[in-house]
Amino acid sequence: MNPIRHIEFWSSNVENSVLFYESFLNILGWVRIDKNGLVCDQTKIYFREKLISLRETLGPRHICFQANDEKAIDEIASILKSRGTSILHGSGELHPGSYMVVFKDPDGYILEVSYKIKE
């Protein structure tokens, strides 16, 4: 299997972004490895500070992280709510068989954490 090696996010504030992602990704097994990134297995997410204005562009609509159960998603949703995060859906079942929370990071990227409900 060839996993994604890394994903780079442009951020208005790297420290803020890393703390935000770390607050929920550690529940999914991600760990902080340096001042600008987290890793899970062989995949790294890192942040590069760019002082540019946010605008709509073509590209990924959102990134989805996989959870191991519904409890993890509920825990993540609780953390996000306590931080005042913009939550677009959930936590709950949006599509039949998929339990998820969909939200925006501090720079407006749409993220999802999802669990495929076993039937």
PDB file of N, CA and C in Angstrom:
ATOM      1  N   MET A   1       0.850  -1.179   0.000  1.00  0.00           N
ATOM      2  CA  MET A   1       0.000   0.000   0.000  1.00  0.00           C
ATOM      3  C   MET A   1       0.893   1.240   0.000  1.00  0.00           C
ATOM      4  N   ASN A   2       0.513   2.220  -0.775  1.00  0.00           N
ATOM      5  CA  ASN A   2       1.234   3.483  -0.850  1.00  0.00           C
ATOM      6  C   ASN A   2       0.357   4.591  -0.286  1.00  0.00           C
ATOM      7  N   PRO A   3       0.535   4.926   1.015  1.00  0.00           N
ATOM      8  CA  PRO A   3      -0.285   5.979   1.617  1.00  0.00           C
ATOM      9  C   PRO A   3       0.136   7.355   1.120  1.00  0.00           C
ATOM     10  N   ILE A   4      -0.680   8.341   1.403  1.00  0.00           N
ATOM     11  CA  ILE A   4      -0.283   9.714   1.123  1.00  0.00           C
ATOM     12  C   ILE A   4       0.909  10.032   2.004  1.00  0.00           C
ATOM     13  N   ARG A   5       1.949  10.625   1.438  1.00  0.00           N
ATOM     14  CA  ARG A   5       3.159  10.935   2.204  1.00  0.00           C
ATOM     15  C   ARG A   5       2.958  12.152   3.105  1.00  0.00           C
ATOM     16  N   HIS A   6       2.437  13.235   2.529  1.00  0.00           N
ATOM     17  CA  HIS A   6       2.151  14.401   3.349  1.00  0.00           C
ATOM     18  C   HIS A   6       1.119  15.299   2.680  1.00  0.00           C
ATOM     19  N   ILE A   7       0.518  16.136   3.513  1.00  0.00           N
ATOM     20  CA  ILE A   7      -0.417  17.164   3.071  1.00  0.00           C
ATOM     21  C   ILE A   7       0.063  18.463   3.685  1.00  0.00           C
ATOM     22  N   GLU A   8       0.214  19.491   2.859  1.00  0.00           N
ATOM     23  CA  GLU A   8       0.636  20.797   3.355  1.00  0.00           C
ATOM     24  C   GLU A   8      -0.548  21.750   3.339  1.00  0.00           C
ATOM     25  N   PHE A   9      -0.791  22.377   4.473  1.00  0.00           N
ATOM     26  CA  PHE A   9      -1.809  23.409   4.580  1.00  0.00           C
ATOM     27  C   PHE A   9      -1.116  24.754   4.683  1.00  0.00           C
ATOM     28  N   TRP A  10      -1.614  25.737   3.964  1.00  0.00           N
ATOM     29  CA  TRP A  10      -1.190  27.104   4.195  1.00  0.00           C
ATOM     30  C   TRP A  10      -2.047  27.623   5.335  1.00  0.00           C
ATOM     31  N   SER A  11      -1.430  28.340   6.236  1.00  0.00           N
ATOM     32  CA  SER A  11      -2.100  28.767   7.448  1.00  0.00           C
ATOM     33  C   SER A  11      -1.777  30.231   7.735  1.00  0.00           C
ATOM     34  N   SER A  12      -2.739  30.915   8.318  1.00  0.00           N
ATOM     35  CA  SER A  12      -2.485  32.296   8.730  1.00  0.00           C
ATOM     36  C   SER A  12      -1.707  32.345  10.037  1.00  0.00           C
ATOM     37  N   ASN A  13      -1.704  31.241  10.789  1.00  0.00           N
ATOM     38  CA  ASN A  13      -0.986  31.167  12.064  1.00  0.00           C
ATOM     39  C   ASN A  13      -0.653  29.695  12.330  1.00  0.00           C
ATOM     40  N   VAL A  14       0.584  29.302  12.085  1.00  0.00           N
ATOM     41  CA  VAL A  14       0.989  27.898  12.201  1.00  0.00           C
ATOM     42  C   VAL A  14       0.750  27.352  13.602  1.00  0.00           C
ATOM     43  N   GLU A  15       1.163  28.084  14.607  1.00  0.00           N
ATOM     44  CA  GLU A  15       1.001  27.588  15.986  1.00  0.00           C
ATOM     45  C   GLU A  15      -0.471  27.326  16.304  1.00  0.00           C
ATOM     46  N   ASN A  16      -1.344  28.250  15.925  1.00  0.00           N
ATOM     47  CA  ASN A  16      -2.774  28.096  16.150  1.00  0.00           C
ATOM     48  C   ASN A  16      -3.317  26.874  15.396  1.00  0.00           C
ATOM     49  N   SER A  17      -2.899  26.702  14.148  1.00  0.00           N
ATOM     50  CA  SER A  17      -3.372  25.565  13.348  1.00  0.00           C
ATOM     51  C   SER A  17      -2.920  24.236  13.937  1.00  0.00           C
ATOM     52  N   VAL A  18      -1.650  24.140  14.326  1.00  0.00           N
ATOM     53  CA  VAL A  18      -1.144  22.886  14.889  1.00  0.00           C
ATOM     54  C   VAL A  18      -1.888  22.549  16.175  1.00  0.00           C
ATOM     55  N   LEU A  19      -2.112  23.528  17.033  1.00  0.00           N
ATOM     56  CA  LEU A  19      -2.851  23.273  18.272  1.00  0.00           C
ATOM     57  C   LEU A  19      -4.282  22.838  17.984  1.00  0.00           C
ATOM     58  N   PHE A  20      -4.918  23.461  16.992  1.00  0.00           N
ATOM     59  CA  PHE A  20      -6.285  23.089  16.620  1.00  0.00           C
ATOM     60  C   PHE A  20      -6.341  21.642  16.144  1.00  0.00           C
ATOM     61  N   TYR A  21      -5.504  21.276  15.189  1.00  0.00           N
ATOM     62  CA  TYR A  21      -5.514  19.919  14.645  1.00  0.00           C
ATOM     63  C   TYR A  21      -5.114  18.898  15.711  1.00  0.00           C
ATOM     64  N   GLU A  22      -4.142  19.243  16.516  1.00  0.00           N
ATOM     65  CA  GLU A  22      -3.699  18.334  17.573  1.00  0.00           C
ATOM     66  C   GLU A  22      -4.825  18.053  18.562  1.00  0.00           C
ATOM     67  N   SER A  23      -5.702  19.038  18.795  1.00  0.00           N
ATOM     68  CA  SER A  23      -6.781  18.888  19.771  1.00  0.00           C
ATOM     69  C   SER A  23      -7.754  17.772  19.422  1.00  0.00           C
ATOM     70  N   PHE A  24      -7.904  17.453  18.145  1.00  0.00           N
ATOM     71  CA  PHE A  24      -8.808  16.363  17.791  1.00  0.00           C
ATOM     72  C   PHE A  24      -8.109  15.182  17.128  1.00  0.00           C
ATOM     73  N   LEU A  25      -7.018  15.417  16.413  1.00  0.00           N
ATOM     74  CA  LEU A  25      -6.360  14.307  15.717  1.00  0.00           C
ATOM     75  C   LEU A  25      -5.663  13.337  16.663  1.00  0.00           C
ATOM     76  N   ASN A  26      -5.273  13.794  17.856  1.00  0.00           N
ATOM     77  CA  ASN A  26      -4.638  12.848  18.780  1.00  0.00           C
ATOM     78  C   ASN A  26      -5.606  11.744  19.192  1.00  0.00           C
ATOM     79  N   ILE A  27      -6.899  11.999  19.161  1.00  0.00           N
ATOM     80  CA  ILE A  27      -7.916  10.978  19.444  1.00  0.00           C
ATOM     81  C   ILE A  27      -7.888   9.891  18.369  1.00  0.00           C
ATOM     82  N   LEU A  28      -7.451  10.261  17.155  1.00  0.00           N
ATOM     83  CA  LEU A  28      -7.418   9.322  16.026  1.00  0.00           C
ATOM     84  C   LEU A  28      -6.037   8.697  15.834  1.00  0.00           C
ATOM     85  N   GLY A  29      -5.102   8.948  16.756  1.00  0.00           N
ATOM     86  CA  GLY A  29      -3.790   8.328  16.674  1.00  0.00           C
ATOM     87  C   GLY A  29      -2.695   9.179  16.058  1.00  0.00           C
ATOM     88  N   TRP A  30      -3.001  10.421  15.730  1.00  0.00           N
ATOM     89  CA  TRP A  30      -1.986  11.329  15.192  1.00  0.00           C
ATOM     90  C   TRP A  30      -1.170  11.892  16.346  1.00  0.00           C
ATOM     91  N   VAL A  31       0.119  12.127  16.114  1.00  0.00           N
ATOM     92  CA  VAL A  31       0.982  12.714  17.134  1.00  0.00           C
ATOM     93  C   VAL A  31       1.757  13.880  16.539  1.00  0.00           C
ATOM     94  N   ARG A  32       2.019  14.852  17.374  1.00  0.00           N
ATOM     95  CA  ARG A  32       2.805  16.015  16.950  1.00  0.00           C
ATOM     96  C   ARG A  32       4.271  15.604  16.894  1.00  0.00           C
ATOM     97  N   ILE A  33       4.933  15.923  15.774  1.00  0.00           N
ATOM     98  CA  ILE A  33       6.332  15.523  15.635  1.00  0.00           C
ATOM     99  C   ILE A  33       7.298  16.697  15.610  1.00  0.00           C
ATOM    100  N   ASP A  34       6.785  17.881  15.366  1.00  0.00           N
ATOM    101  CA  ASP A  34       7.627  19.070  15.399  1.00  0.00           C
ATOM    102  C   ASP A  34       6.738  20.297  15.522  1.00  0.00           C
ATOM    103  N   LYS A  35       7.311  21.481  15.383  1.00  0.00           N
ATOM    104  CA  LYS A  35       6.537  22.710  15.614  1.00  0.00           C
ATOM    105  C   LYS A  35       5.470  22.975  14.558  1.00  0.00           C
ATOM    106  N   ASN A  36       5.572  22.302  13.409  1.00  0.00           N
ATOM    107  CA  ASN A  36       4.574  22.587  12.370  1.00  0.00           C
ATOM    108  C   ASN A  36       3.875  21.349  11.812  1.00  0.00           C
ATOM    109  N   GLY A  37       3.973  20.192  12.486  1.00  0.00           N
ATOM    110  CA  GLY A  37       3.333  19.038  11.881  1.00  0.00           C
ATOM    111  C   GLY A  37       2.949  17.920  12.823  1.00  0.00           C
ATOM    112  N   LEU A  38       2.046  17.075  12.294  1.00  0.00           N
ATOM    113  CA  LEU A  38       1.578  15.878  12.971  1.00  0.00           C
ATOM    114  C   LEU A  38       1.728  14.709  12.011  1.00  0.00           C
ATOM    115  N   VAL A  39       1.802  13.497  12.562  1.00  0.00           N
ATOM    116  CA  VAL A  39       1.964  12.317  11.736  1.00  0.00           C
ATOM    117  C   VAL A  39       1.101  11.172  12.263  1.00  0.00           C
ATOM    118  N   CYS A  40       0.638  10.338  11.340  1.00  0.00           N
ATOM    119  CA  CYS A  40      -0.062   9.094  11.656  1.00  0.00           C
ATOM    120  C   CYS A  40       0.445   8.056  10.666  1.00  0.00           C
ATOM    121  N   ASP A  41       1.007   6.981  11.186  1.00  0.00           N
ATOM    122  CA  ASP A  41       1.654   5.979  10.342  1.00  0.00           C
ATOM    123  C   ASP A  41       2.707   6.682   9.477  1.00  0.00           C
ATOM    124  N   GLN A  42       2.528   6.654   8.156  1.00  0.00           N
ATOM    125  CA  GLN A  42       3.515   7.268   7.264  1.00  0.00           C
ATOM    126  C   GLN A  42       3.055   8.609   6.689  1.00  0.00           C
ATOM    127  N   THR A  43       1.887   9.078   7.099  1.00  0.00           N
ATOM    128  CA  THR A  43       1.331  10.307   6.532  1.00  0.00           C
ATOM    129  C   THR A  43       1.540  11.479   7.483  1.00  0.00           C
ATOM    130  N   LYS A  44       2.071  12.571   6.951  1.00  0.00           N
ATOM    131  CA  LYS A  44       2.302  13.782   7.742  1.00  0.00           C
ATOM    132  C   LYS A  44       1.408  14.906   7.236  1.00  0.00           C
ATOM    133  N   ILE A  45       0.912  15.693   8.180  1.00  0.00           N
ATOM    134  CA  ILE A  45       0.231  16.950   7.873  1.00  0.00           C
ATOM    135  C   ILE A  45       1.129  18.043   8.442  1.00  0.00           C
ATOM    136  N   TYR A  46       1.453  19.017   7.609  1.00  0.00           N
ATOM    137  CA  TYR A  46       2.230  20.121   8.145  1.00  0.00           C
ATOM    138  C   TYR A  46       1.688  21.445   7.638  1.00  0.00           C
ATOM    139  N   PHE A  47       2.072  22.492   8.344  1.00  0.00           N
ATOM    140  CA  PHE A  47       1.529  23.810   8.101  1.00  0.00           C
ATOM    141  C   PHE A  47       2.645  24.782   7.773  1.00  0.00           C
ATOM    142  N   ARG A  48       2.380  25.634   6.798  1.00  0.00           N
ATOM    143  CA  ARG A  48       3.323  26.653   6.376  1.00  0.00           C
ATOM    144  C   ARG A  48       2.577  27.994   6.443  1.00  0.00           C
ATOM    145  N   GLU A  49       3.154  28.927   7.177  1.00  0.00           N
ATOM    146  CA  GLU A  49       2.494  30.212   7.359  1.00  0.00           C
ATOM    147  C   GLU A  49       2.594  31.049   6.084  1.00  0.00           C
ATOM    148  N   LYS A  50       1.450  31.533   5.644  1.00  0.00           N
ATOM    149  CA  LYS A  50       1.355  32.398   4.463  1.00  0.00           C
ATOM    150  C   LYS A  50       0.454  33.567   4.806  1.00  0.00           C
ATOM    151  N   LEU A  51       0.964  34.751   4.633  1.00  0.00           N
ATOM    152  CA  LEU A  51       0.191  35.950   4.940  1.00  0.00           C
ATOM    153  C   LEU A  51      -0.522  36.429   3.679  1.00  0.00           C
ATOM    154  N   ILE A  52      -1.546  35.665   3.314  1.00  0.00           N
ATOM    155  CA  ILE A  52      -2.352  35.983   2.137  1.00  0.00           C
ATOM    156  C   ILE A  52      -3.814  35.950   2.534  1.00  0.00           C
ATOM    157  N   SER A  53      -4.656  36.572   1.729  1.00  0.00           N
ATOM    158  CA  SER A  53      -6.083  36.577   2.030  1.00  0.00           C
ATOM    159  C   SER A  53      -6.715  35.260   1.583  1.00  0.00           C
ATOM    160  N   LEU A  54      -7.746  34.868   2.306  1.00  0.00           N
ATOM    161  CA  LEU A  54      -8.489  33.662   1.975  1.00  0.00           C
ATOM    162  C   LEU A  54      -9.389  33.947   0.777  1.00  0.00           C
ATOM    163  N   ARG A  55      -9.404  33.023  -0.183  1.00  0.00           N
ATOM    164  CA  ARG A  55     -10.309  33.164  -1.312  1.00  0.00           C
ATOM    165  C   ARG A  55     -10.689  31.779  -1.803  1.00  0.00           C
ATOM    166  N   GLU A  56     -11.796  31.702  -2.515  1.00  0.00           N
ATOM    167  CA  GLU A  56     -12.227  30.416  -3.042  1.00  0.00           C
ATOM    168  C   GLU A  56     -11.330  30.000  -4.193  1.00  0.00           C
ATOM    169  N   THR A  57     -10.974  28.738  -4.221  1.00  0.00           N
ATOM    170  CA  THR A  57     -10.158  28.199  -5.301  1.00  0.00           C
ATOM    171  C   THR A  57     -10.654  26.806  -5.633  1.00  0.00           C
ATOM    172  N   LEU A  58     -10.231  26.302  -6.770  1.00  0.00           N
ATOM    173  CA  LEU A  58     -10.491  24.907  -7.081  1.00  0.00           C
ATOM    174  C   LEU A  58      -9.496  24.065  -6.321  1.00  0.00           C
ATOM    175  N   GLY A  59      -9.878  22.876  -5.973  1.00  0.00           N
ATOM    176  CA  GLY A  59      -9.017  21.979  -5.206  1.00  0.00           C
ATOM    177  C   GLY A  59      -9.895  21.071  -4.370  1.00  0.00           C
ATOM    178  N   PRO A  60      -9.321  20.417  -3.390  1.00  0.00           N
ATOM    179  CA  PRO A  60     -10.131  19.530  -2.553  1.00  0.00           C
ATOM    180  C   PRO A  60     -11.238  20.297  -1.841  1.00  0.00           C
ATOM    181  N   ARG A  61     -12.432  19.718  -1.817  1.00  0.00           N
ATOM    182  CA  ARG A  61     -13.539  20.342  -1.086  1.00  0.00           C
ATOM    183  C   ARG A  61     -13.357  20.163   0.411  1.00  0.00           C
ATOM    184  N   HIS A  62     -12.906  18.972   0.779  1.00  0.00           N
ATOM    185  CA  HIS A  62     -12.634  18.721   2.190  1.00  0.00           C
ATOM    186  C   HIS A  62     -11.708  17.517   2.327  1.00  0.00           C
ATOM    187  N   ILE A  63     -11.181  17.348   3.529  1.00  0.00           N
ATOM    188  CA  ILE A  63     -10.372  16.184   3.852  1.00  0.00           C
ATOM    189  C   ILE A  63     -11.105  15.423   4.940  1.00  0.00           C
ATOM    190  N   CYS A  64     -11.172  14.101   4.791  1.00  0.00           N
ATOM    191  CA  CYS A  64     -11.870  13.256   5.755  1.00  0.00           C
ATOM    192  C   CYS A  64     -10.871  12.373   6.494  1.00  0.00           C
ATOM    193  N   PHE A  65     -10.954  12.385   7.811  1.00  0.00           N
ATOM    194  CA  PHE A  65     -10.155  11.509   8.659  1.00  0.00           C
ATOM    195  C   PHE A  65     -11.059  10.388   9.156  1.00  0.00           C
ATOM    196  N   GLN A  66     -10.537   9.194   9.252  1.00  0.00           N
ATOM    197  CA  GLN A  66     -11.337   8.044   9.670  1.00  0.00           C
ATOM    198  C   GLN A  66     -11.196   7.804  11.165  1.00  0.00           C
ATOM    199  N   ALA A  67     -12.333   7.606  11.815  1.00  0.00           N
ATOM    200  CA  ALA A  67     -12.366   7.273  13.240  1.00  0.00           C
ATOM    201  C   ALA A  67     -12.632   5.778  13.398  1.00  0.00           C
ATOM    202  N   ASN A  68     -12.313   5.248  14.565  1.00  0.00           N
ATOM    203  CA  ASN A  68     -12.530   3.832  14.839  1.00  0.00           C
ATOM    204  C   ASN A  68     -13.903   3.523  15.414  1.00  0.00           C
ATOM    205  N   ASP A  69     -14.608   4.557  15.867  1.00  0.00           N
ATOM    206  CA  ASP A  69     -15.946   4.336  16.418  1.00  0.00           C
ATOM    207  C   ASP A  69     -16.689   5.660  16.561  1.00  0.00           C
ATOM    208  N   GLU A  70     -17.980   5.563  16.868  1.00  0.00           N
ATOM    209  CA  GLU A  70     -18.816   6.750  17.021  1.00  0.00           C
ATOM    210  C   GLU A  70     -18.415   7.563  18.253  1.00  0.00           C
ATOM    211  N   LYS A  71     -17.953   6.894  19.297  1.00  0.00           N
ATOM    212  CA  LYS A  71     -17.549   7.575  20.528  1.00  0.00           C
ATOM    213  C   LYS A  71     -16.441   8.585  20.258  1.00  0.00           C
ATOM    214  N   ALA A  72     -15.470   8.212  19.430  1.00  0.00           N
ATOM    215  CA  ALA A  72     -14.379   9.129  19.089  1.00  0.00           C
ATOM    216  C   ALA A  72     -14.920  10.371  18.392  1.00  0.00           C
ATOM    217  N   ILE A  73     -15.877  10.192  17.510  1.00  0.00           N
ATOM    218  CA  ILE A  73     -16.459  11.330  16.796  1.00  0.00           C
ATOM    219  C   ILE A  73     -17.216  12.237  17.754  1.00  0.00           C
ATOM    220  N   ASP A  74     -17.985  11.652  18.669  1.00  0.00           N
ATOM    221  CA  ASP A  74     -18.697  12.458  19.662  1.00  0.00           C
ATOM    222  C   ASP A  74     -17.715  13.234  20.545  1.00  0.00           C
ATOM    223  N   GLU A  75     -16.596  12.604  20.908  1.00  0.00           N
ATOM    224  CA  GLU A  75     -15.575  13.275  21.712  1.00  0.00           C
ATOM    225  C   GLU A  75     -14.958  14.442  20.939  1.00  0.00           C
ATOM    226  N   ILE A  76     -14.672  14.210  19.665  1.00  0.00           N
ATOM    227  CA  ILE A  76     -14.108  15.264  18.823  1.00  0.00           C
ATOM    228  C   ILE A  76     -15.104  16.410  18.662  1.00  0.00           C
ATOM    229  N   ALA A  77     -16.371  16.080  18.431  1.00  0.00           N
ATOM    230  CA  ALA A  77     -17.394  17.114  18.288  1.00  0.00           C
ATOM    231  C   ALA A  77     -17.497  17.951  19.556  1.00  0.00           C
ATOM    232  N   SER A  78     -17.396  17.316  20.698  1.00  0.00           N
ATOM    233  CA  SER A  78     -17.443  18.033  21.977  1.00  0.00           C
ATOM    234  C   SER A  78     -16.263  18.995  22.107  1.00  0.00           C
ATOM    235  N   ILE A  79     -15.077  18.542  21.742  1.00  0.00           N
ATOM    236  CA  ILE A  79     -13.887  19.404  21.783  1.00  0.00           C
ATOM    237  C   ILE A  79     -14.062  20.589  20.838  1.00  0.00           C
ATOM    238  N   LEU A  80     -14.529  20.317  19.636  1.00  0.00           N
ATOM    239  CA  LEU A  80     -14.713  21.381  18.651  1.00  0.00           C
ATOM    240  C   LEU A  80     -15.728  22.408  19.133  1.00  0.00           C
ATOM    241  N   LYS A  81     -16.842  21.947  19.695  1.00  0.00           N
ATOM    242  CA  LYS A  81     -17.868  22.862  20.207  1.00  0.00           C
ATOM    243  C   LYS A  81     -17.313  23.726  21.319  1.00  0.00           C
ATOM    244  N   SER A  82     -16.512  23.121  22.209  1.00  0.00           N
ATOM    245  CA  SER A  82     -15.950  23.890  23.325  1.00  0.00           C
ATOM    246  C   SER A  82     -14.977  24.963  22.845  1.00  0.00           C
ATOM    247  N   ARG A  83     -14.399  24.774  21.669  1.00  0.00           N
ATOM    248  CA  ARG A  83     -13.467  25.748  21.082  1.00  0.00           C
ATOM    249  C   ARG A  83     -14.189  26.796  20.231  1.00  0.00           C
ATOM    250  N   GLY A  84     -15.507  26.643  20.052  1.00  0.00           N
ATOM    251  CA  GLY A  84     -16.260  27.578  19.226  1.00  0.00           C
ATOM    252  C   GLY A  84     -16.057  27.365  17.734  1.00  0.00           C
ATOM    253  N   THR A  85     -15.678  26.146  17.369  1.00  0.00           N
ATOM    254  CA  THR A  85     -15.429  25.798  15.971  1.00  0.00           C
ATOM    255  C   THR A  85     -16.713  25.845  15.161  1.00  0.00           C
ATOM    256  N   SER A  86     -16.636  26.269  13.923  1.00  0.00           N
ATOM    257  CA  SER A  86     -17.773  26.264  13.011  1.00  0.00           C
ATOM    258  C   SER A  86     -18.066  24.822  12.590  1.00  0.00           C
ATOM    259  N   ILE A  87     -19.157  24.258  13.114  1.00  0.00           N
ATOM    260  CA  ILE A  87     -19.543  22.879  12.794  1.00  0.00           C
ATOM    261  C   ILE A  87     -20.650  22.924  11.754  1.00  0.00           C
ATOM    262  N   LEU A  88     -20.429  22.250  10.644  1.00  0.00           N
ATOM    263  CA  LEU A  88     -21.386  22.241   9.539  1.00  0.00           C
ATOM    264  C   LEU A  88     -22.397  21.105   9.657  1.00  0.00           C
ATOM    265  N   HIS A  89     -21.980  19.990  10.287  1.00  0.00           N
ATOM    266  CA  HIS A  89     -22.878  18.857  10.518  1.00  0.00           C
ATOM    267  C   HIS A  89     -22.357  17.995  11.660  1.00  0.00           C
ATOM    268  N   GLY A  90     -23.282  17.536  12.473  1.00  0.00           N
ATOM    269  CA  GLY A  90     -22.965  16.479  13.431  1.00  0.00           C
ATOM    270  C   GLY A  90     -22.665  16.986  14.823  1.00  0.00           C
ATOM    271  N   SER A  91     -22.326  16.002  15.566  1.00  0.00           N
ATOM    272  CA  SER A  91     -22.029  14.635  15.178  1.00  0.00           C
ATOM    273  C   SER A  91     -23.321  13.842  15.000  1.00  0.00           C
ATOM    274  N   GLY A  92     -23.296  12.964  14.023  1.00  0.00           N
ATOM    275  CA  GLY A  92     -24.459  12.155  13.726  1.00  0.00           C
ATOM    276  C   GLY A  92     -24.343  11.507  12.369  1.00  0.00           C
ATOM    277  N   GLU A  93     -25.425  10.840  11.991  1.00  0.00           N
ATOM    278  CA  GLU A  93     -25.456  10.127  10.722  1.00  0.00           C
ATOM    279  C   GLU A  93     -25.939  11.085   9.632  1.00  0.00           C
ATOM    280  N   LEU A  94     -25.068  11.387   8.691  1.00  0.00           N
ATOM    281  CA  LEU A  94     -25.428  12.277   7.588  1.00  0.00           C
ATOM    282  C   LEU A  94     -25.895  11.462   6.401  1.00  0.00           C
ATOM    283  N   HIS A  95     -25.120  10.466   6.028  1.00  0.00           N
ATOM    284  CA  HIS A  95     -25.480   9.534   4.971  1.00  0.00           C
ATOM    285  C   HIS A  95     -25.762   8.195   5.640  1.00  0.00           C
ATOM    286  N   PRO A  96     -26.666   7.389   5.113  1.00  0.00           N
ATOM    287  CA  PRO A  96     -26.926   6.090   5.734  1.00  0.00           C
ATOM    288  C   PRO A  96     -25.623   5.299   5.903  1.00  0.00           C
ATOM    289  N   GLY A  97     -25.368   4.892   7.134  1.00  0.00           N
ATOM    290  CA  GLY A  97     -24.194   4.087   7.421  1.00  0.00           C
ATOM    291  C   GLY A  97     -22.931   4.866   7.728  1.00  0.00           C
ATOM    292  N   SER A  98     -22.984   6.216   7.707  1.00  0.00           N
ATOM    293  CA  SER A  98     -21.797   7.024   7.999  1.00  0.00           C
ATOM    294  C   SER A  98     -22.089   7.996   9.133  1.00  0.00           C
ATOM    295  N   TYR A  99     -21.366   7.841  10.219  1.00  0.00           N
ATOM    296  CA  TYR A  99     -21.483   8.709  11.384  1.00  0.00           C
ATOM    297  C   TYR A  99     -20.328   9.700  11.322  1.00  0.00           C
ATOM    298  N   MET A 100     -20.614  11.000  11.431  1.00  0.00           N
ATOM    299  CA  MET A 100     -19.558  11.976  11.171  1.00  0.00           C
ATOM    300  C   MET A 100     -19.785  13.309  11.856  1.00  0.00           C
ATOM    301  N   VAL A 101     -18.720  14.093  11.842  1.00  0.00           N
ATOM    302  CA  VAL A 101     -18.780  15.505  12.175  1.00  0.00           C
ATOM    303  C   VAL A 101     -18.028  16.230  11.061  1.00  0.00           C
ATOM    304  N   VAL A 102     -18.623  17.307  10.565  1.00  0.00           N
ATOM    305  CA  VAL A 102     -18.036  18.106   9.481  1.00  0.00           C
ATOM    306  C   VAL A 102     -17.892  19.532  10.022  1.00  0.00           C
ATOM    307  N   PHE A 103     -16.712  20.129   9.840  1.00  0.00           N
ATOM    308  CA  PHE A 103     -16.421  21.412  10.467  1.00  0.00           C
ATOM    309  C   PHE A 103     -15.346  22.165   9.687  1.00  0.00           C
ATOM    310  N   LYS A 104     -15.102  23.418  10.092  1.00  0.00           N
ATOM    311  CA  LYS A 104     -14.065  24.237   9.461  1.00  0.00           C
ATOM    312  C   LYS A 104     -12.914  24.457  10.434  1.00  0.00           C
ATOM    313  N   ASP A 105     -11.701  24.458   9.891  1.00  0.00           N
ATOM    314  CA  ASP A 105     -10.535  24.771  10.720  1.00  0.00           C
ATOM    315  C   ASP A 105     -10.430  26.297  10.835  1.00  0.00           C
ATOM    316  N   PRO A 106      -9.470  26.822  11.605  1.00  0.00           N
ATOM    317  CA  PRO A 106      -9.385  28.277  11.802  1.00  0.00           C
ATOM    318  C   PRO A 106      -9.208  29.091  10.519  1.00  0.00           C
ATOM    319  N   ASP A 107      -8.692  28.472   9.444  1.00  0.00           N
ATOM    320  CA  ASP A 107      -8.521  29.198   8.185  1.00  0.00           C
ATOM    321  C   ASP A 107      -9.620  28.910   7.178  1.00  0.00           C
ATOM    322  N   GLY A 108     -10.644  28.147   7.579  1.00  0.00           N
ATOM    323  CA  GLY A 108     -11.788  27.908   6.709  1.00  0.00           C
ATOM    324  C   GLY A 108     -11.755  26.618   5.908  1.00  0.00           C
ATOM    325  N   TYR A 109     -10.710  25.794   6.062  1.00  0.00           N
ATOM    326  CA  TYR A 109     -10.691  24.495   5.387  1.00  0.00           C
ATOM    327  C   TYR A 109     -11.800  23.621   5.964  1.00  0.00           C
ATOM    328  N   ILE A 110     -12.505  22.907   5.097  1.00  0.00           N
ATOM    329  CA  ILE A 110     -13.556  22.002   5.555  1.00  0.00           C
ATOM    330  C   ILE A 110     -12.927  20.647   5.858  1.00  0.00           C
ATOM    331  N   LEU A 111     -13.227  20.133   7.049  1.00  0.00           N
ATOM    332  CA  LEU A 111     -12.713  18.851   7.498  1.00  0.00           C
ATOM    333  C   LEU A 111     -13.867  17.959   7.930  1.00  0.00           C
ATOM    334  N   GLU A 112     -13.641  16.667   7.874  1.00  0.00           N
ATOM    335  CA  GLU A 112     -14.635  15.684   8.287  1.00  0.00           C
ATOM    336  C   GLU A 112     -13.918  14.585   9.060  1.00  0.00           C
ATOM    337  N   VAL A 113     -14.578  14.107  10.090  1.00  0.00           N
ATOM    338  CA  VAL A 113     -14.146  12.890  10.768  1.00  0.00           C
ATOM    339  C   VAL A 113     -15.327  11.938  10.679  1.00  0.00           C
ATOM    340  N   SER A 114     -15.074  10.741  10.149  1.00  0.00           N
ATOM    341  CA  SER A 114     -16.172   9.836   9.820  1.00  0.00           C
ATOM    342  C   SER A 114     -15.885   8.420  10.298  1.00  0.00           C
ATOM    343  N   TYR A 115     -16.974   7.708  10.575  1.00  0.00           N
ATOM    344  CA  TYR A 115     -16.912   6.305  10.946  1.00  0.00           C
ATOM    345  C   TYR A 115     -17.990   5.561  10.162  1.00  0.00           C
ATOM    346  N   LYS A 116     -17.591   4.491   9.482  1.00  0.00           N
ATOM    347  CA  LYS A 116     -18.546   3.659   8.738  1.00  0.00           C
ATOM    348  C   LYS A 116     -19.217   2.727   9.730  1.00  0.00           C
ATOM    349  N   ILE A 117     -20.509   2.899   9.921  1.00  0.00           N
ATOM    350  CA  ILE A 117     -21.275   2.096  10.882  1.00  0.00           C
ATOM    351  C   ILE A 117     -21.387   0.671  10.330  1.00  0.00           C
ATOM    352  N   LYS A 118     -21.019  -0.270  11.177  1.00  0.00           N
ATOM    353  CA  LYS A 118     -21.129  -1.679  10.774  1.00  0.00           C
ATOM    354  C   LYS A 118     -22.589  -2.090  10.796  1.00  0.00           C
ATOM    355  N   GLU A 119     -22.996  -2.767   9.761  1.00  0.00           N
ATOM    356  CA  GLU A 119     -24.415  -3.167   9.657  1.00  0.00           C
ATOM    357  C   GLU A 119     -24.624  -4.565  10.172  1.00  0.00           C
TER     358      GLU A 119
END
